[in-house]
Amino acid sequence: LTEPAGATVKVLVLTTFDLDEYVY
C-alpha cells in the first residue's frame, strides 16, 4: 500500500503487545 510512487494512504498497525518484532 505504501511503496507505490504517489501513495497517500496511511497505515496504522494494530497489535496486542507494544514490543512486537512484527510491529518493527
mmCIF file of all heavy atoms, coordinates in Angstrom:
data_MODEL
# 
_entry.id   MODEL 
# 
loop_
_atom_site.group_PDB 
_atom_site.id 
_atom_site.type_symbol 
_atom_site.label_atom_id 
_atom_site.label_alt_id 
_atom_site.label_comp_id 
_atom_site.label_asym_id 
_atom_site.label_entity_id 
_atom_site.label_seq_id 
_atom_site.pdbx_PDB_ins_code 
_atom_site.Cartn_x 
_atom_site.Cartn_y 
_atom_site.Cartn_z 
_atom_site.occupancy 
_atom_site.B_iso_or_equiv 
_atom_site.pdbx_formal_charge 
_atom_site.auth_seq_id 
_atom_site.auth_comp_id 
_atom_site.auth_asym_id 
_atom_site.auth_atom_id 
_atom_site.pdbx_PDB_model_num 
ATOM 1   N N   . LEU A 1 1  ? 0.807  -1.212  0.000  1.00 0.00 ? 1  LEU A N   1 
ATOM 2   C CA  . LEU A 1 1  ? 0.000  0.000   0.000  1.00 0.00 ? 1  LEU A CA  1 
ATOM 3   C C   . LEU A 1 1  ? 0.847  1.272   0.000  1.00 0.00 ? 1  LEU A C   1 
ATOM 4   O O   . LEU A 1 1  ? 0.441  2.289   -0.554 1.00 0.00 ? 1  LEU A O   1 
ATOM 5   C CB  . LEU A 1 1  ? -0.918 0.017   1.230  1.00 0.00 ? 1  LEU A CB  1 
ATOM 6   C CG  . LEU A 1 1  ? -2.052 -1.001  1.246  1.00 0.00 ? 1  LEU A CG  1 
ATOM 7   C CD1 . LEU A 1 1  ? -2.842 -0.898  2.546  1.00 0.00 ? 1  LEU A CD1 1 
ATOM 8   C CD2 . LEU A 1 1  ? -2.978 -0.813  0.057  1.00 0.00 ? 1  LEU A CD2 1 
ATOM 9   N N   . THR A 1 2  ? 2.020  1.224   0.636  1.00 0.00 ? 2  THR A N   1 
ATOM 10  C CA  . THR A 1 2  ? 2.796  2.448   0.825  1.00 0.00 ? 2  THR A CA  1 
ATOM 11  C C   . THR A 1 2  ? 3.957  2.621   -0.150 1.00 0.00 ? 2  THR A C   1 
ATOM 12  O O   . THR A 1 2  ? 4.457  3.738   -0.314 1.00 0.00 ? 2  THR A O   1 
ATOM 13  C CB  . THR A 1 2  ? 3.355  2.520   2.263  1.00 0.00 ? 2  THR A CB  1 
ATOM 14  O OG1 . THR A 1 2  ? 4.215  1.393   2.502  1.00 0.00 ? 2  THR A OG1 1 
ATOM 15  C CG2 . THR A 1 2  ? 2.226  2.510   3.278  1.00 0.00 ? 2  THR A CG2 1 
ATOM 16  N N   . GLU A 1 3  ? 4.405  1.543   -0.788 1.00 0.00 ? 3  GLU A N   1 
ATOM 17  C CA  . GLU A 1 3  ? 5.589  1.643   -1.662 1.00 0.00 ? 3  GLU A CA  1 
ATOM 18  C C   . GLU A 1 3  ? 5.346  2.346   -2.986 1.00 0.00 ? 3  GLU A C   1 
ATOM 19  O O   . GLU A 1 3  ? 6.229  3.039   -3.482 1.00 0.00 ? 3  GLU A O   1 
ATOM 20  C CB  . GLU A 1 3  ? 6.173  0.251   -1.920 1.00 0.00 ? 3  GLU A CB  1 
ATOM 21  C CG  . GLU A 1 3  ? 7.157  -0.195  -0.855 1.00 0.00 ? 3  GLU A CG  1 
ATOM 22  C CD  . GLU A 1 3  ? 7.931  -1.430  -1.274 1.00 0.00 ? 3  GLU A CD  1 
ATOM 23  O OE1 . GLU A 1 3  ? 7.562  -2.046  -2.306 1.00 0.00 ? 3  GLU A OE1 1 
ATOM 24  O OE2 . GLU A 1 3  ? 8.880  -1.789  -0.569 1.00 0.00 ? 3  GLU A OE2 1 
ATOM 25  N N   . PRO A 1 4  ? 4.164  2.139   -3.627 1.00 0.00 ? 4  PRO A N   1 
ATOM 26  C CA  . PRO A 1 4  ? 3.994  2.756   -4.949 1.00 0.00 ? 4  PRO A CA  1 
ATOM 27  C C   . PRO A 1 4  ? 4.184  4.267   -4.917 1.00 0.00 ? 4  PRO A C   1 
ATOM 28  O O   . PRO A 1 4  ? 3.787  4.933   -3.953 1.00 0.00 ? 4  PRO A O   1 
ATOM 29  C CB  . PRO A 1 4  ? 2.535  2.393   -5.306 1.00 0.00 ? 4  PRO A CB  1 
ATOM 30  C CG  . PRO A 1 4  ? 2.242  1.173   -4.504 1.00 0.00 ? 4  PRO A CG  1 
ATOM 31  C CD  . PRO A 1 4  ? 2.995  1.359   -3.220 1.00 0.00 ? 4  PRO A CD  1 
ATOM 32  N N   . ALA A 1 5  ? 4.810  4.798   -5.956 1.00 0.00 ? 5  ALA A N   1 
ATOM 33  C CA  . ALA A 1 5  ? 5.017  6.242   -6.058 1.00 0.00 ? 5  ALA A CA  1 
ATOM 34  C C   . ALA A 1 5  ? 3.670  6.953   -6.019 1.00 0.00 ? 5  ALA A C   1 
ATOM 35  O O   . ALA A 1 5  ? 2.721  6.551   -6.698 1.00 0.00 ? 5  ALA A O   1 
ATOM 36  C CB  . ALA A 1 5  ? 5.755  6.572   -7.347 1.00 0.00 ? 5  ALA A CB  1 
ATOM 37  N N   . GLY A 1 6  ? 3.583  7.971   -5.212 1.00 0.00 ? 6  GLY A N   1 
ATOM 38  C CA  . GLY A 1 6  ? 2.348  8.731   -5.118 1.00 0.00 ? 6  GLY A CA  1 
ATOM 39  C C   . GLY A 1 6  ? 1.331  8.179   -4.144 1.00 0.00 ? 6  GLY A C   1 
ATOM 40  O O   . GLY A 1 6  ? 0.247  8.751   -3.990 1.00 0.00 ? 6  GLY A O   1 
ATOM 41  N N   . ALA A 1 7  ? 1.662  7.083   -3.468 1.00 0.00 ? 7  ALA A N   1 
ATOM 42  C CA  . ALA A 1 7  ? 0.728  6.500   -2.499 1.00 0.00 ? 7  ALA A CA  1 
ATOM 43  C C   . ALA A 1 7  ? 0.491  7.486   -1.360 1.00 0.00 ? 7  ALA A C   1 
ATOM 44  O O   . ALA A 1 7  ? 1.427  8.050   -0.813 1.00 0.00 ? 7  ALA A O   1 
ATOM 45  C CB  . ALA A 1 7  ? 1.288  5.185   -1.964 1.00 0.00 ? 7  ALA A CB  1 
ATOM 46  N N   . THR A 1 8  ? -0.766 7.694   -1.027 1.00 0.00 ? 8  THR A N   1 
ATOM 47  C CA  . THR A 1 8  ? -1.091 8.664   0.024  1.00 0.00 ? 8  THR A CA  1 
ATOM 48  C C   . THR A 1 8  ? -1.738 8.032   1.244  1.00 0.00 ? 8  THR A C   1 
ATOM 49  O O   . THR A 1 8  ? -1.842 8.668   2.291  1.00 0.00 ? 8  THR A O   1 
ATOM 50  C CB  . THR A 1 8  ? -2.035 9.750   -0.514 1.00 0.00 ? 8  THR A CB  1 
ATOM 51  O OG1 . THR A 1 8  ? -3.233 9.125   -1.008 1.00 0.00 ? 8  THR A OG1 1 
ATOM 52  C CG2 . THR A 1 8  ? -1.383 10.531  -1.636 1.00 0.00 ? 8  THR A CG2 1 
ATOM 53  N N   . VAL A 1 9  ? -2.199 6.798   1.134  1.00 0.00 ? 9  VAL A N   1 
ATOM 54  C CA  . VAL A 1 9  ? -2.867 6.153   2.255  1.00 0.00 ? 9  VAL A CA  1 
ATOM 55  C C   . VAL A 1 9  ? -1.882 5.958   3.409  1.00 0.00 ? 9  VAL A C   1 
ATOM 56  O O   . VAL A 1 9  ? -0.709 5.665   3.209  1.00 0.00 ? 9  VAL A O   1 
ATOM 57  C CB  . VAL A 1 9  ? -3.480 4.795   1.834  1.00 0.00 ? 9  VAL A CB  1 
ATOM 58  C CG1 . VAL A 1 9  ? -2.401 3.782   1.459  1.00 0.00 ? 9  VAL A CG1 1 
ATOM 59  C CG2 . VAL A 1 9  ? -4.378 4.246   2.934  1.00 0.00 ? 9  VAL A CG2 1 
ATOM 60  N N   . LYS A 1 10 ? -2.372 6.174   4.628  1.00 0.00 ? 10 LYS A N   1 
ATOM 61  C CA  . LYS A 1 10 ? -1.563 5.985   5.832  1.00 0.00 ? 10 LYS A CA  1 
ATOM 62  C C   . LYS A 1 10 ? -1.978 4.671   6.494  1.00 0.00 ? 10 LYS A C   1 
ATOM 63  O O   . LYS A 1 10 ? -3.168 4.342   6.526  1.00 0.00 ? 10 LYS A O   1 
ATOM 64  C CB  . LYS A 1 10 ? -1.768 7.142   6.803  1.00 0.00 ? 10 LYS A CB  1 
ATOM 65  C CG  . LYS A 1 10 ? -1.474 8.517   6.212  1.00 0.00 ? 10 LYS A CG  1 
ATOM 66  C CD  . LYS A 1 10 ? -0.018 8.661   5.840  1.00 0.00 ? 10 LYS A CD  1 
ATOM 67  C CE  . LYS A 1 10 ? 0.356  10.105  5.532  1.00 0.00 ? 10 LYS A CE  1 
ATOM 68  N NZ  . LYS A 1 10 ? -0.447 10.717  4.473  1.00 0.00 ? 10 LYS A NZ  1 
ATOM 69  N N   . VAL A 1 11 ? -1.000 3.959   7.022  1.00 0.00 ? 11 VAL A N   1 
ATOM 70  C CA  . VAL A 1 11 ? -1.276 2.691   7.685  1.00 0.00 ? 11 VAL A CA  1 
ATOM 71  C C   . VAL A 1 11 ? -0.966 2.806   9.166  1.00 0.00 ? 11 VAL A C   1 
ATOM 72  O O   . VAL A 1 11 ? 0.117  3.231   9.564  1.00 0.00 ? 11 VAL A O   1 
ATOM 73  C CB  . VAL A 1 11 ? -0.462 1.536   7.070  1.00 0.00 ? 11 VAL A CB  1 
ATOM 74  C CG1 . VAL A 1 11 ? -0.704 0.238   7.844  1.00 0.00 ? 11 VAL A CG1 1 
ATOM 75  C CG2 . VAL A 1 11 ? -0.816 1.351   5.602  1.00 0.00 ? 11 VAL A CG2 1 
ATOM 76  N N   . LEU A 1 12 ? -1.933 2.407   9.969  1.00 0.00 ? 12 LEU A N   1 
ATOM 77  C CA  . LEU A 1 12 ? -1.789 2.379   11.417 1.00 0.00 ? 12 LEU A CA  1 
ATOM 78  C C   . LEU A 1 12 ? -1.887 0.922   11.847 1.00 0.00 ? 12 LEU A C   1 
ATOM 79  O O   . LEU A 1 12 ? -2.919 0.279   11.662 1.00 0.00 ? 12 LEU A O   1 
ATOM 80  C CB  . LEU A 1 12 ? -2.902 3.217   12.060 1.00 0.00 ? 12 LEU A CB  1 
ATOM 81  C CG  . LEU A 1 12 ? -2.900 3.403   13.569 1.00 0.00 ? 12 LEU A CG  1 
ATOM 82  C CD1 . LEU A 1 12 ? -1.614 4.067   14.036 1.00 0.00 ? 12 LEU A CD1 1 
ATOM 83  C CD2 . LEU A 1 12 ? -4.102 4.258   13.972 1.00 0.00 ? 12 LEU A CD2 1 
ATOM 84  N N   . VAL A 1 13 ? -0.807 0.376   12.366 1.00 0.00 ? 13 VAL A N   1 
ATOM 85  C CA  . VAL A 1 13 ? -0.741 -1.044  12.690 1.00 0.00 ? 13 VAL A CA  1 
ATOM 86  C C   . VAL A 1 13 ? -1.422 -1.325  14.032 1.00 0.00 ? 13 VAL A C   1 
ATOM 87  O O   . VAL A 1 13 ? -1.225 -0.599  15.003 1.00 0.00 ? 13 VAL A O   1 
ATOM 88  C CB  . VAL A 1 13 ? 0.720  -1.517  12.747 1.00 0.00 ? 13 VAL A CB  1 
ATOM 89  C CG1 . VAL A 1 13 ? 0.819  -2.963  13.221 1.00 0.00 ? 13 VAL A CG1 1 
ATOM 90  C CG2 . VAL A 1 13 ? 1.361  -1.372  11.377 1.00 0.00 ? 13 VAL A CG2 1 
ATOM 91  N N   . LEU A 1 14 ? -2.208 -2.387  14.053 1.00 0.00 ? 14 LEU A N   1 
ATOM 92  C CA  . LEU A 1 14 ? -2.869 -2.826  15.276 1.00 0.00 ? 14 LEU A CA  1 
ATOM 93  C C   . LEU A 1 14 ? -2.107 -4.011  15.856 1.00 0.00 ? 14 LEU A C   1 
ATOM 94  O O   . LEU A 1 14 ? -1.754 -4.937  15.133 1.00 0.00 ? 14 LEU A O   1 
ATOM 95  C CB  . LEU A 1 14 ? -4.307 -3.262  14.979 1.00 0.00 ? 14 LEU A CB  1 
ATOM 96  C CG  . LEU A 1 14 ? -5.227 -2.190  14.387 1.00 0.00 ? 14 LEU A CG  1 
ATOM 97  C CD1 . LEU A 1 14 ? -6.539 -2.815  13.951 1.00 0.00 ? 14 LEU A CD1 1 
ATOM 98  C CD2 . LEU A 1 14 ? -5.462 -1.084  15.394 1.00 0.00 ? 14 LEU A CD2 1 
ATOM 99  N N   . THR A 1 15 ? -1.830 -3.978  17.145 1.00 0.00 ? 15 THR A N   1 
ATOM 100 C CA  . THR A 1 15 ? -1.081 -5.072  17.754 1.00 0.00 ? 15 THR A CA  1 
ATOM 101 C C   . THR A 1 15 ? -1.553 -5.304  19.181 1.00 0.00 ? 15 THR A C   1 
ATOM 102 O O   . THR A 1 15 ? -2.168 -4.428  19.799 1.00 0.00 ? 15 THR A O   1 
ATOM 103 C CB  . THR A 1 15 ? 0.426  -4.773  17.743 1.00 0.00 ? 15 THR A CB  1 
ATOM 104 O OG1 . THR A 1 15 ? 1.145  -5.889  18.268 1.00 0.00 ? 15 THR A OG1 1 
ATOM 105 C CG2 . THR A 1 15 ? 0.747  -3.549  18.576 1.00 0.00 ? 15 THR A CG2 1 
ATOM 106 N N   . THR A 1 16 ? -1.251 -6.481  19.694 1.00 0.00 ? 16 THR A N   1 
ATOM 107 C CA  . THR A 1 16 ? -1.634 -6.823  21.060 1.00 0.00 ? 16 THR A CA  1 
ATOM 108 C C   . THR A 1 16 ? -0.571 -6.407  22.060 1.00 0.00 ? 16 THR A C   1 
ATOM 109 O O   . THR A 1 16 ? -0.868 -6.086  23.201 1.00 0.00 ? 16 THR A O   1 
ATOM 110 C CB  . THR A 1 16 ? -1.884 -8.340  21.173 1.00 0.00 ? 16 THR A CB  1 
ATOM 111 O OG1 . THR A 1 16 ? -2.824 -8.739  20.169 1.00 0.00 ? 16 THR A OG1 1 
ATOM 112 C CG2 . THR A 1 16 ? -2.442 -8.711  22.533 1.00 0.00 ? 16 THR A CG2 1 
ATOM 113 N N   . PHE A 1 17 ? 0.688  -6.407  21.611 1.00 0.00 ? 17 PHE A N   1 
ATOM 114 C CA  . PHE A 1 17 ? 1.791  -6.085  22.505 1.00 0.00 ? 17 PHE A CA  1 
ATOM 115 C C   . PHE A 1 17 ? 2.608  -4.925  21.943 1.00 0.00 ? 17 PHE A C   1 
ATOM 116 O O   . PHE A 1 17 ? 2.844  -4.859  20.746 1.00 0.00 ? 17 PHE A O   1 
ATOM 117 C CB  . PHE A 1 17 ? 2.706  -7.303  22.681 1.00 0.00 ? 17 PHE A CB  1 
ATOM 118 C CG  . PHE A 1 17 ? 1.971  -8.538  23.104 1.00 0.00 ? 17 PHE A CG  1 
ATOM 119 C CD1 . PHE A 1 17 ? 1.701  -9.540  22.186 1.00 0.00 ? 17 PHE A CD1 1 
ATOM 120 C CD2 . PHE A 1 17 ? 1.536  -8.693  24.411 1.00 0.00 ? 17 PHE A CD2 1 
ATOM 121 C CE1 . PHE A 1 17 ? 1.010  -10.683 22.569 1.00 0.00 ? 17 PHE A CE1 1 
ATOM 122 C CE2 . PHE A 1 17 ? 0.847  -9.820  24.796 1.00 0.00 ? 17 PHE A CE2 1 
ATOM 123 C CZ  . PHE A 1 17 ? 0.579  -10.824 23.877 1.00 0.00 ? 17 PHE A CZ  1 
ATOM 124 N N   . ASP A 1 18 ? 3.099  -4.038  22.823 1.00 0.00 ? 18 ASP A N   1 
ATOM 125 C CA  . ASP A 1 18 ? 3.847  -2.888  22.325 1.00 0.00 ? 18 ASP A CA  1 
ATOM 126 C C   . ASP A 1 18 ? 5.266  -3.252  21.913 1.00 0.00 ? 18 ASP A C   1 
ATOM 127 O O   . ASP A 1 18 ? 5.886  -2.547  21.129 1.00 0.00 ? 18 ASP A O   1 
ATOM 128 C CB  . ASP A 1 18 ? 3.845  -1.724  23.328 1.00 0.00 ? 18 ASP A CB  1 
ATOM 129 C CG  . ASP A 1 18 ? 4.526  -2.053  24.645 1.00 0.00 ? 18 ASP A CG  1 
ATOM 130 O OD1 . ASP A 1 18 ? 5.055  -3.172  24.763 1.00 0.00 ? 18 ASP A OD1 1 
ATOM 131 O OD2 . ASP A 1 18 ? 4.539  -1.207  25.539 1.00 0.00 ? 18 ASP A OD2 1 
ATOM 132 N N   . LEU A 1 19 ? 5.816  -4.354  22.432 1.00 0.00 ? 19 LEU A N   1 
ATOM 133 C CA  . LEU A 1 19 ? 7.123  -4.807  21.988 1.00 0.00 ? 19 LEU A CA  1 
ATOM 134 C C   . LEU A 1 19 ? 6.923  -6.044  21.134 1.00 0.00 ? 19 LEU A C   1 
ATOM 135 O O   . LEU A 1 19 ? 6.827  -7.148  21.630 1.00 0.00 ? 19 LEU A O   1 
ATOM 136 C CB  . LEU A 1 19 ? 8.036  -5.129  23.187 1.00 0.00 ? 19 LEU A CB  1 
ATOM 137 C CG  . LEU A 1 19 ? 8.916  -3.981  23.659 1.00 0.00 ? 19 LEU A CG  1 
ATOM 138 C CD1 . LEU A 1 19 ? 9.799  -4.427  24.807 1.00 0.00 ? 19 LEU A CD1 1 
ATOM 139 C CD2 . LEU A 1 19 ? 9.774  -3.435  22.535 1.00 0.00 ? 19 LEU A CD2 1 
ATOM 140 N N   . ASP A 1 20 ? 6.848  -5.839  19.872 1.00 0.00 ? 20 ASP A N   1 
ATOM 141 C CA  . ASP A 1 20 ? 6.478  -6.898  18.945 1.00 0.00 ? 20 ASP A CA  1 
ATOM 142 C C   . ASP A 1 20 ? 7.359  -6.772  17.703 1.00 0.00 ? 20 ASP A C   1 
ATOM 143 O O   . ASP A 1 20 ? 7.327  -5.764  17.026 1.00 0.00 ? 20 ASP A O   1 
ATOM 144 C CB  . ASP A 1 20 ? 5.003  -6.735  18.578 1.00 0.00 ? 20 ASP A CB  1 
ATOM 145 C CG  . ASP A 1 20 ? 4.470  -7.844  17.693 1.00 0.00 ? 20 ASP A CG  1 
ATOM 146 O OD1 . ASP A 1 20 ? 5.270  -8.440  16.937 1.00 0.00 ? 20 ASP A OD1 1 
ATOM 147 O OD2 . ASP A 1 20 ? 3.265  -8.101  17.745 1.00 0.00 ? 20 ASP A OD2 1 
ATOM 148 N N   . GLU A 1 21 ? 8.141  -7.803  17.406 1.00 0.00 ? 21 GLU A N   1 
ATOM 149 C CA  . GLU A 1 21 ? 9.052  -7.731  16.270 1.00 0.00 ? 21 GLU A CA  1 
ATOM 150 C C   . GLU A 1 21 ? 8.315  -7.431  14.972 1.00 0.00 ? 21 GLU A C   1 
ATOM 151 O O   . GLU A 1 21 ? 8.820  -6.748  14.092 1.00 0.00 ? 21 GLU A O   1 
ATOM 152 C CB  . GLU A 1 21 ? 9.832  -9.036  16.136 1.00 0.00 ? 21 GLU A CB  1 
ATOM 153 C CG  . GLU A 1 21 ? 10.860 -9.015  15.024 1.00 0.00 ? 21 GLU A CG  1 
ATOM 154 C CD  . GLU A 1 21 ? 11.727 -10.257 14.999 1.00 0.00 ? 21 GLU A CD  1 
ATOM 155 O OE1 . GLU A 1 21 ? 11.523 -11.139 15.845 1.00 0.00 ? 21 GLU A OE1 1 
ATOM 156 O OE2 . GLU A 1 21 ? 12.599 -10.326 14.126 1.00 0.00 ? 21 GLU A OE2 1 
ATOM 157 N N   . TYR A 1 22 ? 7.094  -7.935  14.877 1.00 0.00 ? 22 TYR A N   1 
ATOM 158 C CA  . TYR A 1 22 ? 6.331  -7.708  13.660 1.00 0.00 ? 22 TYR A CA  1 
ATOM 159 C C   . TYR A 1 22 ? 5.973  -6.228  13.497 1.00 0.00 ? 22 TYR A C   1 
ATOM 160 O O   . TYR A 1 22 ? 5.871  -5.727  12.387 1.00 0.00 ? 22 TYR A O   1 
ATOM 161 C CB  . TYR A 1 22 ? 5.054  -8.555  13.663 1.00 0.00 ? 22 TYR A CB  1 
ATOM 162 C CG  . TYR A 1 22 ? 5.332  -10.031 13.560 1.00 0.00 ? 22 TYR A CG  1 
ATOM 163 C CD1 . TYR A 1 22 ? 5.235  -10.856 14.679 1.00 0.00 ? 22 TYR A CD1 1 
ATOM 164 C CD2 . TYR A 1 22 ? 5.697  -10.607 12.352 1.00 0.00 ? 22 TYR A CD2 1 
ATOM 165 C CE1 . TYR A 1 22 ? 5.495  -12.216 14.594 1.00 0.00 ? 22 TYR A CE1 1 
ATOM 166 C CE2 . TYR A 1 22 ? 5.963  -11.958 12.247 1.00 0.00 ? 22 TYR A CE2 1 
ATOM 167 C CZ  . TYR A 1 22 ? 5.862  -12.760 13.378 1.00 0.00 ? 22 TYR A CZ  1 
ATOM 168 O OH  . TYR A 1 22 ? 6.134  -14.099 13.285 1.00 0.00 ? 22 TYR A OH  1 
ATOM 169 N N   . VAL A 1 23 ? 5.780  -5.549  14.621 1.00 0.00 ? 23 VAL A N   1 
ATOM 170 C CA  . VAL A 1 23 ? 5.476  -4.122  14.550 1.00 0.00 ? 23 VAL A CA  1 
ATOM 171 C C   . VAL A 1 23 ? 6.659  -3.371  13.972 1.00 0.00 ? 23 VAL A C   1 
ATOM 172 O O   . VAL A 1 23 ? 6.504  -2.500  13.113 1.00 0.00 ? 23 VAL A O   1 
ATOM 173 C CB  . VAL A 1 23 ? 5.124  -3.577  15.955 1.00 0.00 ? 23 VAL A CB  1 
ATOM 174 C CG1 . VAL A 1 23 ? 5.039  -2.057  15.925 1.00 0.00 ? 23 VAL A CG1 1 
ATOM 175 C CG2 . VAL A 1 23 ? 3.812  -4.158  16.430 1.00 0.00 ? 23 VAL A CG2 1 
ATOM 176 N N   . TYR A 1 24 ? 7.858  -3.716  14.419 1.00 0.00 ? 24 TYR A N   1 
ATOM 177 C CA  . TYR A 1 24 ? 9.049  -3.064  13.879 1.00 0.00 ? 24 TYR A CA  1 
ATOM 178 C C   . TYR A 1 24 ? 9.152  -3.297  12.379 1.00 0.00 ? 24 TYR A C   1 
ATOM 179 O O   . TYR A 1 24 ? 9.455  -2.375  11.613 1.00 0.00 ? 24 TYR A O   1 
ATOM 180 C CB  . TYR A 1 24 ? 10.307 -3.586  14.588 1.00 0.00 ? 24 TYR A CB  1 
ATOM 181 C CG  . TYR A 1 24 ? 11.576 -3.051  13.989 1.00 0.00 ? 24 TYR A CG  1 
ATOM 182 C CD1 . TYR A 1 24 ? 11.894 -1.701  14.109 1.00 0.00 ? 24 TYR A CD1 1 
ATOM 183 C CD2 . TYR A 1 24 ? 12.444 -3.867  13.274 1.00 0.00 ? 24 TYR A CD2 1 
ATOM 184 C CE1 . TYR A 1 24 ? 13.045 -1.185  13.546 1.00 0.00 ? 24 TYR A CE1 1 
ATOM 185 C CE2 . TYR A 1 24 ? 13.591 -3.364  12.713 1.00 0.00 ? 24 TYR A CE2 1 
ATOM 186 C CZ  . TYR A 1 24 ? 13.892 -2.029  12.856 1.00 0.00 ? 24 TYR A CZ  1 
ATOM 187 O OH  . TYR A 1 24 ? 15.026 -1.519  12.287 1.00 0.00 ? 24 TYR A OH  1 
# 
